[in-house]
Amino acid sequence: MTEPAATDETCIARLLTDAGTAQAVCDGVLAASDTFEAAASAFEAAGDPDGRWTVEIYFERPPDHGAVRGLVSRIGGPAAGADVAFTTVTACDWVARSLAGLAPVAAGRFVVHGAHDRHRVPANRIGIEIEAALAFGTGHHGTTHGCLLAFDRLLHRLRPRRVLDIGCGTGVLAIAAARALLRRVEASDIDAASVAVARDNVRLNRAGAFVHVVRSNGLADRRLRAGGPYDLVFANILLAPLAALATPIRRVIAPGGRVVISGLLASQGRAALAAYRGRGFLLERRIILDGWVTFVLACR
C-alpha cells in the first residue's frame, strides 16, 4: 500500500465526549504511534453545559478515516467512533496568526516574544525572539512556559555545564540555556522543518556560537551521545516518546544532573513519572499550567 504523501494541510480529528473517554482516546492515539503519525490532546470543552471534553488529534499525513474511527470505537465504544469529525487547516498559518496577536511571555528572567514586541523586553530580562514558523515552541503553550519556569528556578542554585534539548521545536529552550549560561548546548528534533526553524532562531538570537542543532530521532545521532554526560536535559515532547527516552537519557545524564520533561497533560503525569522513577530519577519539582504538567527530575 502506497504511503500517503505529506501535504500543506494538517488533518484534525475532533471528538466531544465525557472526560474519561477523552483521556482514554488521547492516550490510545499516542500509544498507537506505529499506526498514526499524530499528536493528541484532551481538554474541557469551553461552555459545554454537560461538562464534556474535546479530543483533538493532529495528523502529519492524511489518515485513514475508517482506521481512526475504528481505534476510537475500540476505546470509547461505537458511538464515540461515529462522532469523530474530520477537518483540515493550512499547516503554515497557525503560528504566524497566533504570534501576531500574542503578548510577550515572561517566565522568570526570560521573555519570549515576536519581532513586533522586541521593544517591550525589559533591560534586565533575557529576550528570546521567536519568528513565526511551522515548529512548536512560542512560549505561550503551558509546556514551553513550564519548562522555562523550571529552568529559571534551577538557575538560582545550579550552573549546568552541558545541556541537551531533545525535540527542540523552535529552539526556544536551547536558546534560553545558551543565553543564560554562555555554554555549548546540543539540540535535536526528528522533524527537518523544525531543525531549520531552530537554526534560524539560533542565529536570530545571536546564539550560534553555543547552540548546535541536528536532526535526530531521540538520541540516535552519536554526536548527541558523545556530548554527554549532561548536567541538564530538556525533553518537551509527548508521552510515548518521553517514556521511550527514559533509558537513553539515563545513559547520558551526569550524576546529580536534572531532566526537565513536559508535553504532558496532567492526567499523563503518573505514566511519565513511572518510566523515569524506574530508571533512578527522583521527582524534584512539578509545575502545572493550563492543564499541562512539567516535571523536574534529579538523577540520583
C-alpha atoms as a PDB file:
ATOM      1  CA  MET A   1       0.000   0.000   0.000  1.00  0.00           C
ATOM      2  CA  THR A   2       1.416   3.392  -1.003  1.00  0.00           C
ATOM      3  CA  GLU A   3       2.071   5.751   1.890  1.00  0.00           C
ATOM      4  CA  PRO A   4       0.043   8.957   1.564  1.00  0.00           C
ATOM      5  CA  ALA A   5       2.132  11.978   0.671  1.00  0.00           C
ATOM      6  CA  ALA A   6       2.599  14.850   3.089  1.00  0.00           C
ATOM      7  CA  THR A   7       0.604  17.956   2.193  1.00  0.00           C
ATOM      8  CA  ASP A   8       0.494  21.642   3.134  1.00  0.00           C
ATOM      9  CA  GLU A   9      -2.609  20.926   5.191  1.00  0.00           C
ATOM     10  CA  THR A  10      -2.958  19.359   8.617  1.00  0.00           C
ATOM     11  CA  CYS A  11      -5.854  16.991   9.207  1.00  0.00           C
ATOM     12  CA  ILE A  12      -7.548  17.253  12.593  1.00  0.00           C
ATOM     13  CA  ALA A  13      -9.962  14.729  14.086  1.00  0.00           C
ATOM     14  CA  ARG A  14     -12.225  16.013  16.867  1.00  0.00           C
ATOM     15  CA  LEU A  15     -14.461  14.229  19.335  1.00  0.00           C
ATOM     16  CA  LEU A  16     -16.758  15.670  22.008  1.00  0.00           C
ATOM     17  CA  THR A  17     -17.254  13.153  24.810  1.00  0.00           C
ATOM     18  CA  ASP A  18     -17.059  12.580  28.553  1.00  0.00           C
ATOM     19  CA  ALA A  19     -13.818  13.207  30.454  1.00  0.00           C
ATOM     20  CA  GLY A  20     -12.908   9.549  30.972  1.00  0.00           C
ATOM     21  CA  THR A  21     -13.379   8.600  27.333  1.00  0.00           C
ATOM     22  CA  ALA A  22     -11.492  11.704  26.203  1.00  0.00           C
ATOM     23  CA  GLN A  23      -8.439  10.814  28.290  1.00  0.00           C
ATOM     24  CA  ALA A  24      -8.574   7.167  27.179  1.00  0.00           C
ATOM     25  CA  VAL A  25      -8.808   8.098  23.495  1.00  0.00           C
ATOM     26  CA  CYS A  26      -5.969  10.592  23.816  1.00  0.00           C
ATOM     27  CA  ASP A  27      -3.717   8.022  25.479  1.00  0.00           C
ATOM     28  CA  GLY A  28      -4.735   5.363  22.963  1.00  0.00           C
ATOM     29  CA  VAL A  29      -3.804   7.542  19.987  1.00  0.00           C
ATOM     30  CA  LEU A  30      -0.413   8.374  21.491  1.00  0.00           C
ATOM     31  CA  ALA A  31       0.206   4.684  22.179  1.00  0.00           C
ATOM     32  CA  ALA A  32      -0.628   3.828  18.541  1.00  0.00           C
ATOM     33  CA  SER A  33       2.389   5.736  17.223  1.00  0.00           C
ATOM     34  CA  ASP A  34       3.321   2.839  14.923  1.00  0.00           C
ATOM     35  CA  THR A  35      -0.014   3.256  13.123  1.00  0.00           C
ATOM     36  CA  PHE A  36      -0.570   7.023  13.183  1.00  0.00           C
ATOM     37  CA  GLU A  37       1.920   9.895  12.997  1.00  0.00           C
ATOM     38  CA  ALA A  38      -0.176  12.069  15.253  1.00  0.00           C
ATOM     39  CA  ALA A  39      -0.289  14.310  18.300  1.00  0.00           C
ATOM     40  CA  ALA A  40      -3.336  14.333  20.549  1.00  0.00           C
ATOM     41  CA  SER A  41      -4.714  16.419  23.391  1.00  0.00           C
ATOM     42  CA  ALA A  42      -7.825  16.337  25.573  1.00  0.00           C
ATOM     43  CA  PHE A  43      -9.302  19.339  27.344  1.00  0.00           C
ATOM     44  CA  GLU A  44     -12.552  20.596  28.818  1.00  0.00           C
ATOM     45  CA  ALA A  45     -14.912  21.931  26.147  1.00  0.00           C
ATOM     46  CA  ALA A  46     -15.404  25.616  26.854  1.00  0.00           C
ATOM     47  CA  GLY A  47     -19.019  26.480  27.630  1.00  0.00           C
ATOM     48  CA  ASP A  48     -20.344  22.935  27.230  1.00  0.00           C
ATOM     49  CA  PRO A  49     -23.400  22.660  29.538  1.00  0.00           C
ATOM     50  CA  ASP A  50     -22.780  18.939  30.116  1.00  0.00           C
ATOM     51  CA  GLY A  51     -19.147  19.371  31.161  1.00  0.00           C
ATOM     52  CA  ARG A  52     -17.883  17.303  28.258  1.00  0.00           C
ATOM     53  CA  TRP A  53     -14.327  17.238  26.939  1.00  0.00           C
ATOM     54  CA  THR A  54     -12.870  17.714  23.464  1.00  0.00           C
ATOM     55  CA  VAL A  55     -10.274  15.398  21.968  1.00  0.00           C
ATOM     56  CA  GLU A  56      -8.167  16.822  19.130  1.00  0.00           C
ATOM     57  CA  ILE A  57      -5.877  14.600  17.060  1.00  0.00           C
ATOM     58  CA  TYR A  58      -3.415  16.266  14.658  1.00  0.00           C
ATOM     59  CA  PHE A  59      -2.073  14.101  11.824  1.00  0.00           C
ATOM     60  CA  GLU A  60       1.178  14.713   9.981  1.00  0.00           C
ATOM     61  CA  ARG A  61      -0.232  12.900   6.924  1.00  0.00           C
ATOM     62  CA  PRO A  62      -3.839  12.416   5.765  1.00  0.00           C
ATOM     63  CA  PRO A  63      -5.102   9.479   7.865  1.00  0.00           C
ATOM     64  CA  ASP A  64      -7.409   6.616   7.012  1.00  0.00           C
ATOM     65  CA  HIS A  65     -10.670   7.931   8.469  1.00  0.00           C
ATOM     66  CA  GLY A  66     -12.034   4.434   8.939  1.00  0.00           C
ATOM     67  CA  ALA A  67      -8.934   3.334  10.853  1.00  0.00           C
ATOM     68  CA  VAL A  68      -9.168   6.366  13.143  1.00  0.00           C
ATOM     69  CA  ARG A  69     -12.852   5.763  13.832  1.00  0.00           C
ATOM     70  CA  GLY A  70     -12.090   2.094  14.410  1.00  0.00           C
ATOM     71  CA  LEU A  71      -9.445   2.909  17.034  1.00  0.00           C
ATOM     72  CA  VAL A  72     -11.776   5.357  18.796  1.00  0.00           C
ATOM     73  CA  SER A  73     -14.597   2.792  18.708  1.00  0.00           C
ATOM     74  CA  ARG A  74     -12.403   0.158  20.341  1.00  0.00           C
ATOM     75  CA  ILE A  75     -11.515   2.558  23.141  1.00  0.00           C
ATOM     76  CA  GLY A  76     -14.716   4.530  23.696  1.00  0.00           C
ATOM     77  CA  GLY A  77     -17.398   2.453  22.032  1.00  0.00           C
ATOM     78  CA  PRO A  78     -19.154   2.603  18.617  1.00  0.00           C
ATOM     79  CA  ALA A  79     -20.958   5.867  19.425  1.00  0.00           C
ATOM     80  CA  ALA A  80     -17.659   7.639  20.091  1.00  0.00           C
ATOM     81  CA  GLY A  81     -16.193   6.357  16.834  1.00  0.00           C
ATOM     82  CA  ALA A  82     -19.211   7.539  14.876  1.00  0.00           C
ATOM     83  CA  ASP A  83     -18.970  11.021  16.453  1.00  0.00           C
ATOM     84  CA  VAL A  84     -15.413  11.672  15.248  1.00  0.00           C
ATOM     85  CA  ALA A  85     -15.356  14.625  12.842  1.00  0.00           C
ATOM     86  CA  PHE A  86     -12.502  15.450  10.464  1.00  0.00           C
ATOM     87  CA  THR A  87     -11.360  18.839   9.215  1.00  0.00           C
ATOM     88  CA  THR A  88      -8.224  20.348   7.667  1.00  0.00           C
ATOM     89  CA  VAL A  89      -6.304  23.558   8.298  1.00  0.00           C
ATOM     90  CA  THR A  90      -3.471  25.160   6.373  1.00  0.00           C
ATOM     91  CA  ALA A  91      -0.355  23.919   8.134  1.00  0.00           C
ATOM     92  CA  CYS A  92       1.783  27.039   7.781  1.00  0.00           C
ATOM     93  CA  ASP A  93      -0.703  29.629   9.044  1.00  0.00           C
ATOM     94  CA  TRP A  94      -1.305  28.901  12.717  1.00  0.00           C
ATOM     95  CA  VAL A  95       1.914  30.194  14.286  1.00  0.00           C
ATOM     96  CA  ALA A  96       2.003  33.356  12.181  1.00  0.00           C
ATOM     97  CA  ARG A  97      -1.567  34.222  13.108  1.00  0.00           C
ATOM     98  CA  SER A  98      -1.097  33.446  16.778  1.00  0.00           C
ATOM     99  CA  LEU A  99       2.151  35.368  17.232  1.00  0.00           C
ATOM    100  CA  ALA A 100       0.678  38.491  15.655  1.00  0.00           C
ATOM    101  CA  GLY A 101      -1.887  38.795  18.441  1.00  0.00           C
ATOM    102  CA  LEU A 102       0.013  37.405  21.426  1.00  0.00           C
ATOM    103  CA  ALA A 103       1.802  39.457  24.048  1.00  0.00           C
ATOM    104  CA  PRO A 104       5.334  38.537  25.154  1.00  0.00           C
ATOM    105  CA  VAL A 105       5.509  35.660  27.629  1.00  0.00           C
ATOM    106  CA  ALA A 106       7.508  36.219  30.813  1.00  0.00           C
ATOM    107  CA  ALA A 107       8.990  33.200  32.603  1.00  0.00           C
ATOM    108  CA  GLY A 108      11.269  34.359  35.375  1.00  0.00           C
ATOM    109  CA  ARG A 109      14.267  36.039  33.785  1.00  0.00           C
ATOM    110  CA  PHE A 110      13.159  35.020  30.262  1.00  0.00           C
ATOM    111  CA  VAL A 111      10.776  36.847  27.925  1.00  0.00           C
ATOM    112  CA  VAL A 112       9.699  35.082  24.723  1.00  0.00           C
ATOM    113  CA  HIS A 113       8.454  37.499  22.075  1.00  0.00           C
ATOM    114  CA  GLY A 114       7.906  38.076  18.383  1.00  0.00           C
ATOM    115  CA  ALA A 115       9.723  40.652  16.288  1.00  0.00           C
ATOM    116  CA  HIS A 116       6.822  43.083  16.734  1.00  0.00           C
ATOM    117  CA  ASP A 117       7.390  43.118  20.526  1.00  0.00           C
ATOM    118  CA  ARG A 118      11.172  43.398  20.585  1.00  0.00           C
ATOM    119  CA  HIS A 119      10.932  46.834  22.195  1.00  0.00           C
ATOM    120  CA  ARG A 120       8.847  45.501  25.090  1.00  0.00           C
ATOM    121  CA  VAL A 121      11.580  43.336  26.645  1.00  0.00           C
ATOM    122  CA  PRO A 122      12.854  44.903  29.918  1.00  0.00           C
ATOM    123  CA  ALA A 123      16.575  45.609  30.058  1.00  0.00           C
ATOM    124  CA  ASN A 124      17.042  43.235  32.996  1.00  0.00           C
ATOM    125  CA  ARG A 125      15.481  40.247  31.227  1.00  0.00           C
ATOM    126  CA  ILE A 126      16.757  37.774  28.629  1.00  0.00           C
ATOM    127  CA  GLY A 127      14.702  38.287  25.477  1.00  0.00           C
ATOM    128  CA  ILE A 128      14.209  35.313  23.154  1.00  0.00           C
ATOM    129  CA  GLU A 129      12.788  36.270  19.785  1.00  0.00           C
ATOM    130  CA  ILE A 130      10.869  33.503  18.009  1.00  0.00           C
ATOM    131  CA  GLU A 131       9.832  34.081  14.421  1.00  0.00           C
ATOM    132  CA  ALA A 132       6.581  32.694  13.051  1.00  0.00           C
ATOM    133  CA  ALA A 133       7.260  29.272  11.568  1.00  0.00           C
ATOM    134  CA  LEU A 134       5.970  25.710  11.432  1.00  0.00           C
ATOM    135  CA  ALA A 135       7.532  24.484  14.683  1.00  0.00           C
ATOM    136  CA  PHE A 136       6.351  24.100  18.239  1.00  0.00           C
ATOM    137  CA  GLY A 137       7.589  26.432  20.968  1.00  0.00           C
ATOM    138  CA  THR A 138       6.459  30.049  21.028  1.00  0.00           C
ATOM    139  CA  GLY A 139       6.477  30.139  24.829  1.00  0.00           C
ATOM    140  CA  HIS A 140       2.719  30.656  25.079  1.00  0.00           C
ATOM    141  CA  HIS A 141       1.889  26.982  25.496  1.00  0.00           C
ATOM    142  CA  GLY A 142       1.781  25.648  29.056  1.00  0.00           C
ATOM    143  CA  THR A 143       4.510  23.086  28.336  1.00  0.00           C
ATOM    144  CA  THR A 144       7.110  25.511  26.962  1.00  0.00           C
ATOM    145  CA  HIS A 145       6.224  28.087  29.607  1.00  0.00           C
ATOM    146  CA  GLY A 146       6.553  25.439  32.304  1.00  0.00           C
ATOM    147  CA  CYS A 147       9.989  24.355  31.055  1.00  0.00           C
ATOM    148  CA  LEU A 148      11.239  27.939  31.066  1.00  0.00           C
ATOM    149  CA  LEU A 149       9.944  28.496  34.598  1.00  0.00           C
ATOM    150  CA  ALA A 150      11.596  25.261  35.741  1.00  0.00           C
ATOM    151  CA  PHE A 151      14.892  26.287  34.151  1.00  0.00           C
ATOM    152  CA  ASP A 152      14.748  29.748  35.706  1.00  0.00           C
ATOM    153  CA  ARG A 153      14.285  28.223  39.160  1.00  0.00           C
ATOM    154  CA  LEU A 154      17.117  25.747  38.627  1.00  0.00           C
ATOM    155  CA  LEU A 155      19.433  28.631  37.782  1.00  0.00           C
ATOM    156  CA  HIS A 156      19.008  30.020  41.293  1.00  0.00           C
ATOM    157  CA  ARG A 157      21.181  27.153  42.596  1.00  0.00           C
ATOM    158  CA  LEU A 158      22.785  25.357  39.642  1.00  0.00           C
ATOM    159  CA  ARG A 159      25.021  26.274  36.697  1.00  0.00           C
ATOM    160  CA  PRO A 160      24.806  23.328  34.273  1.00  0.00           C
ATOM    161  CA  ARG A 161      27.904  22.896  32.127  1.00  0.00           C
ATOM    162  CA  ARG A 162      26.489  20.561  29.487  1.00  0.00           C
ATOM    163  CA  VAL A 163      22.914  20.947  28.220  1.00  0.00           C
ATOM    164  CA  LEU A 164      20.825  18.872  25.803  1.00  0.00           C
ATOM    165  CA  ASP A 165      17.410  19.775  24.327  1.00  0.00           C
ATOM    166  CA  ILE A 166      15.619  16.785  22.750  1.00  0.00           C
ATOM    167  CA  GLY A 167      12.703  17.684  20.457  1.00  0.00           C
ATOM    168  CA  CYS A 168      13.751  21.319  20.369  1.00  0.00           C
ATOM    169  CA  GLY A 169      10.994  22.639  18.067  1.00  0.00           C
ATOM    170  CA  THR A 170      11.716  26.344  17.576  1.00  0.00           C
ATOM    171  CA  GLY A 171      14.846  26.035  19.714  1.00  0.00           C
ATOM    172  CA  VAL A 172      13.480  28.289  22.460  1.00  0.00           C
ATOM    173  CA  LEU A 173      14.743  26.163  25.380  1.00  0.00           C
ATOM    174  CA  ALA A 174      18.176  25.631  23.840  1.00  0.00           C
ATOM    175  CA  ILE A 175      18.453  29.360  23.174  1.00  0.00           C
ATOM    176  CA  ALA A 176      17.393  30.164  26.738  1.00  0.00           C
ATOM    177  CA  ALA A 177      20.101  27.843  28.079  1.00  0.00           C
ATOM    178  CA  ALA A 178      22.761  29.299  25.801  1.00  0.00           C
ATOM    179  CA  ARG A 179      21.862  32.902  26.597  1.00  0.00           C
ATOM    180  CA  ALA A 180      21.754  32.286  30.359  1.00  0.00           C
ATOM    181  CA  LEU A 181      24.812  30.049  30.682  1.00  0.00           C
ATOM    182  CA  LEU A 182      27.013  31.060  27.735  1.00  0.00           C
ATOM    183  CA  ARG A 183      27.851  27.386  27.279  1.00  0.00           C
ATOM    184  CA  ARG A 184      27.515  24.903  24.420  1.00  0.00           C
ATOM    185  CA  VAL A 185      24.040  23.391  24.065  1.00  0.00           C
ATOM    186  CA  GLU A 186      23.191  20.339  21.958  1.00  0.00           C
ATOM    187  CA  ALA A 187      19.704  20.386  20.424  1.00  0.00           C
ATOM    188  CA  SER A 188      17.814  17.974  18.198  1.00  0.00           C
ATOM    189  CA  ASP A 189      14.470  17.368  16.549  1.00  0.00           C
ATOM    190  CA  ILE A 190      13.117  14.498  14.483  1.00  0.00           C
ATOM    191  CA  ASP A 191      11.448  16.932  12.051  1.00  0.00           C
ATOM    192  CA  ALA A 192      13.600  18.532   9.344  1.00  0.00           C
ATOM    193  CA  ALA A 193      11.451  21.674   9.185  1.00  0.00           C
ATOM    194  CA  SER A 194      11.821  22.199  12.931  1.00  0.00           C
ATOM    195  CA  VAL A 195      15.590  21.804  12.682  1.00  0.00           C
ATOM    196  CA  ALA A 196      15.695  24.531  10.019  1.00  0.00           C
ATOM    197  CA  VAL A 197      13.468  26.806  12.119  1.00  0.00           C
ATOM    198  CA  ALA A 198      15.563  26.227  15.229  1.00  0.00           C
ATOM    199  CA  ARG A 199      18.779  27.062  13.371  1.00  0.00           C
ATOM    200  CA  ASP A 200      17.228  30.278  12.066  1.00  0.00           C
ATOM    201  CA  ASN A 201      16.114  31.253  15.568  1.00  0.00           C
ATOM    202  CA  VAL A 202      19.543  30.452  16.988  1.00  0.00           C
ATOM    203  CA  ARG A 203      21.102  32.874  14.506  1.00  0.00           C
ATOM    204  CA  LEU A 204      18.407  35.472  15.142  1.00  0.00           C
ATOM    205  CA  ASN A 205      19.125  35.357  18.883  1.00  0.00           C
ATOM    206  CA  ARG A 206      22.908  35.545  18.418  1.00  0.00           C
ATOM    207  CA  ALA A 207      23.408  32.119  19.984  1.00  0.00           C
ATOM    208  CA  GLY A 208      25.137  30.458  17.044  1.00  0.00           C
ATOM    209  CA  ALA A 209      28.424  30.158  18.916  1.00  0.00           C
ATOM    210  CA  PHE A 210      26.779  27.992  21.554  1.00  0.00           C
ATOM    211  CA  VAL A 211      23.813  26.031  20.128  1.00  0.00           C
ATOM    212  CA  HIS A 212      24.360  23.054  17.817  1.00  0.00           C
ATOM    213  CA  VAL A 213      21.136  21.716  16.217  1.00  0.00           C
ATOM    214  CA  VAL A 214      20.945  18.326  14.486  1.00  0.00           C
ATOM    215  CA  ARG A 215      18.163  16.190  13.090  1.00  0.00           C
ATOM    216  CA  SER A 216      17.817  13.058  15.173  1.00  0.00           C
ATOM    217  CA  ASN A 217      15.248  10.585  16.429  1.00  0.00           C
ATOM    218  CA  GLY A 218      15.815  10.991  20.145  1.00  0.00           C
ATOM    219  CA  LEU A 219      19.463  10.242  20.926  1.00  0.00           C
ATOM    220  CA  ALA A 220      20.091   8.214  17.777  1.00  0.00           C
ATOM    221  CA  ASP A 221      22.699  10.685  16.493  1.00  0.00           C
ATOM    222  CA  ARG A 222      26.049   9.682  18.014  1.00  0.00           C
ATOM    223  CA  ARG A 223      27.084  13.331  18.313  1.00  0.00           C
ATOM    224  CA  LEU A 224      24.394  13.834  20.929  1.00  0.00           C
ATOM    225  CA  ARG A 225      25.593  10.855  22.935  1.00  0.00           C
ATOM    226  CA  ALA A 226      29.206  11.990  22.614  1.00  0.00           C
ATOM    227  CA  GLY A 227      28.317  15.415  24.032  1.00  0.00           C
ATOM    228  CA  GLY A 228      27.471  13.978  27.448  1.00  0.00           C
ATOM    229  CA  PRO A 229      27.391  13.401  30.277  1.00  0.00           C
ATOM    230  CA  TYR A 230      24.808  16.199  30.506  1.00  0.00           C
ATOM    231  CA  ASP A 231      24.047  18.217  33.609  1.00  0.00           C
ATOM    232  CA  LEU A 232      20.664  19.273  32.203  1.00  0.00           C
ATOM    233  CA  VAL A 233      18.366  17.645  29.640  1.00  0.00           C
ATOM    234  CA  PHE A 234      15.149  19.169  28.277  1.00  0.00           C
ATOM    235  CA  ALA A 235      12.557  16.901  26.628  1.00  0.00           C
ATOM    236  CA  ASN A 236       9.320  18.720  25.816  1.00  0.00           C
ATOM    237  CA  ILE A 237       7.583  16.220  23.548  1.00  0.00           C
ATOM    238  CA  LEU A 238       4.778  13.633  24.026  1.00  0.00           C
ATOM    239  CA  LEU A 239       4.160  10.833  26.495  1.00  0.00           C
ATOM    240  CA  ALA A 240       5.072   7.869  24.256  1.00  0.00           C
ATOM    241  CA  PRO A 241       8.485   9.195  23.115  1.00  0.00           C
ATOM    242  CA  LEU A 242       9.173  10.569  26.605  1.00  0.00           C
ATOM    243  CA  ALA A 243       8.699   7.122  28.104  1.00  0.00           C
ATOM    244  CA  ALA A 244      10.861   5.543  25.397  1.00  0.00           C
ATOM    245  CA  LEU A 245      13.634   8.073  26.102  1.00  0.00           C
ATOM    246  CA  ALA A 246      13.896   7.345  29.832  1.00  0.00           C
ATOM    247  CA  THR A 247      16.645   4.739  29.403  1.00  0.00           C
ATOM    248  CA  PRO A 248      18.658   6.609  26.706  1.00  0.00           C
ATOM    249  CA  ILE A 249      18.554   9.784  28.816  1.00  0.00           C
ATOM    250  CA  ARG A 250      19.696   7.844  31.887  1.00  0.00           C
ATOM    251  CA  ARG A 251      22.755   6.729  29.934  1.00  0.00           C
ATOM    252  CA  VAL A 252      23.862  10.285  29.098  1.00  0.00           C
ATOM    253  CA  ILE A 253      22.894  12.180  32.258  1.00  0.00           C
ATOM    254  CA  ALA A 254      25.616  13.118  34.724  1.00  0.00           C
ATOM    255  CA  PRO A 255      25.324  12.045  38.378  1.00  0.00           C
ATOM    256  CA  GLY A 256      23.220  14.691  40.103  1.00  0.00           C
ATOM    257  CA  GLY A 257      22.017  16.008  36.732  1.00  0.00           C
ATOM    258  CA  ARG A 258      18.494  17.283  36.114  1.00  0.00           C
ATOM    259  CA  VAL A 259      15.935  16.353  33.469  1.00  0.00           C
ATOM    260  CA  VAL A 260      13.054  18.706  32.633  1.00  0.00           C
ATOM    261  CA  ILE A 261      10.248  16.839  30.872  1.00  0.00           C
ATOM    262  CA  SER A 262       6.951  18.173  29.558  1.00  0.00           C
ATOM    263  CA  GLY A 263       4.487  17.832  26.686  1.00  0.00           C
ATOM    264  CA  LEU A 264       2.210  16.053  29.135  1.00  0.00           C
ATOM    265  CA  LEU A 265      -1.381  16.523  30.106  1.00  0.00           C
ATOM    266  CA  ALA A 266      -1.761  16.484  33.883  1.00  0.00           C
ATOM    267  CA  SER A 267      -3.543  13.128  33.568  1.00  0.00           C
ATOM    268  CA  GLN A 268      -0.459  11.634  31.895  1.00  0.00           C
ATOM    269  CA  GLY A 269       1.919  12.658  34.650  1.00  0.00           C
ATOM    270  CA  ARG A 270       1.878   9.367  36.569  1.00  0.00           C
ATOM    271  CA  ALA A 271       2.742   7.323  33.497  1.00  0.00           C
ATOM    272  CA  ALA A 272       5.700   9.561  32.669  1.00  0.00           C
ATOM    273  CA  LEU A 273       6.962   9.559  36.246  1.00  0.00           C
ATOM    274  CA  ALA A 274       6.764   5.775  36.418  1.00  0.00           C
ATOM    275  CA  ALA A 275       9.077   5.451  33.410  1.00  0.00           C
ATOM    276  CA  TYR A 276      11.694   7.775  34.923  1.00  0.00           C
ATOM    277  CA  ARG A 277      11.473   6.616  38.526  1.00  0.00           C
ATOM    278  CA  GLY A 278      12.191   3.130  37.268  1.00  0.00           C
ATOM    279  CA  ARG A 279      15.488   4.461  35.841  1.00  0.00           C
ATOM    280  CA  GLY A 280      16.624   6.053  39.105  1.00  0.00           C
ATOM    281  CA  PHE A 281      15.223   9.578  38.745  1.00  0.00           C
ATOM    282  CA  LEU A 282      13.621  11.396  41.682  1.00  0.00           C
ATOM    283  CA  LEU A 283      10.853  13.976  41.335  1.00  0.00           C
ATOM    284  CA  GLU A 284      12.146  17.383  42.437  1.00  0.00           C
ATOM    285  CA  ARG A 285       9.507  19.803  41.181  1.00  0.00           C
ATOM    286  CA  ARG A 286       6.113  19.745  39.487  1.00  0.00           C
ATOM    287  CA  ILE A 287       4.657  22.734  37.575  1.00  0.00           C
ATOM    288  CA  ILE A 288       1.091  22.669  36.232  1.00  0.00           C
ATOM    289  CA  LEU A 289      -0.040  25.336  33.762  1.00  0.00           C
ATOM    290  CA  ASP A 290      -3.292  25.306  31.782  1.00  0.00           C
ATOM    291  CA  GLY A 291      -3.776  21.583  32.363  1.00  0.00           C
ATOM    292  CA  TRP A 292      -0.219  20.673  31.250  1.00  0.00           C
ATOM    293  CA  VAL A 293       2.456  19.405  33.625  1.00  0.00           C
ATOM    294  CA  THR A 294       6.229  19.914  33.683  1.00  0.00           C
ATOM    295  CA  PHE A 295       8.486  17.770  35.883  1.00  0.00           C
ATOM    296  CA  VAL A 296      11.999  18.452  37.123  1.00  0.00           C
ATOM    297  CA  LEU A 297      13.731  15.149  37.850  1.00  0.00           C
ATOM    298  CA  ALA A 298      17.072  14.588  39.580  1.00  0.00           C
ATOM    299  CA  CYS A 299      19.441  11.744  38.744  1.00  0.00           C
ATOM    300  CA  ARG A 300      20.497  10.025  41.966  1.00  0.00           C
END
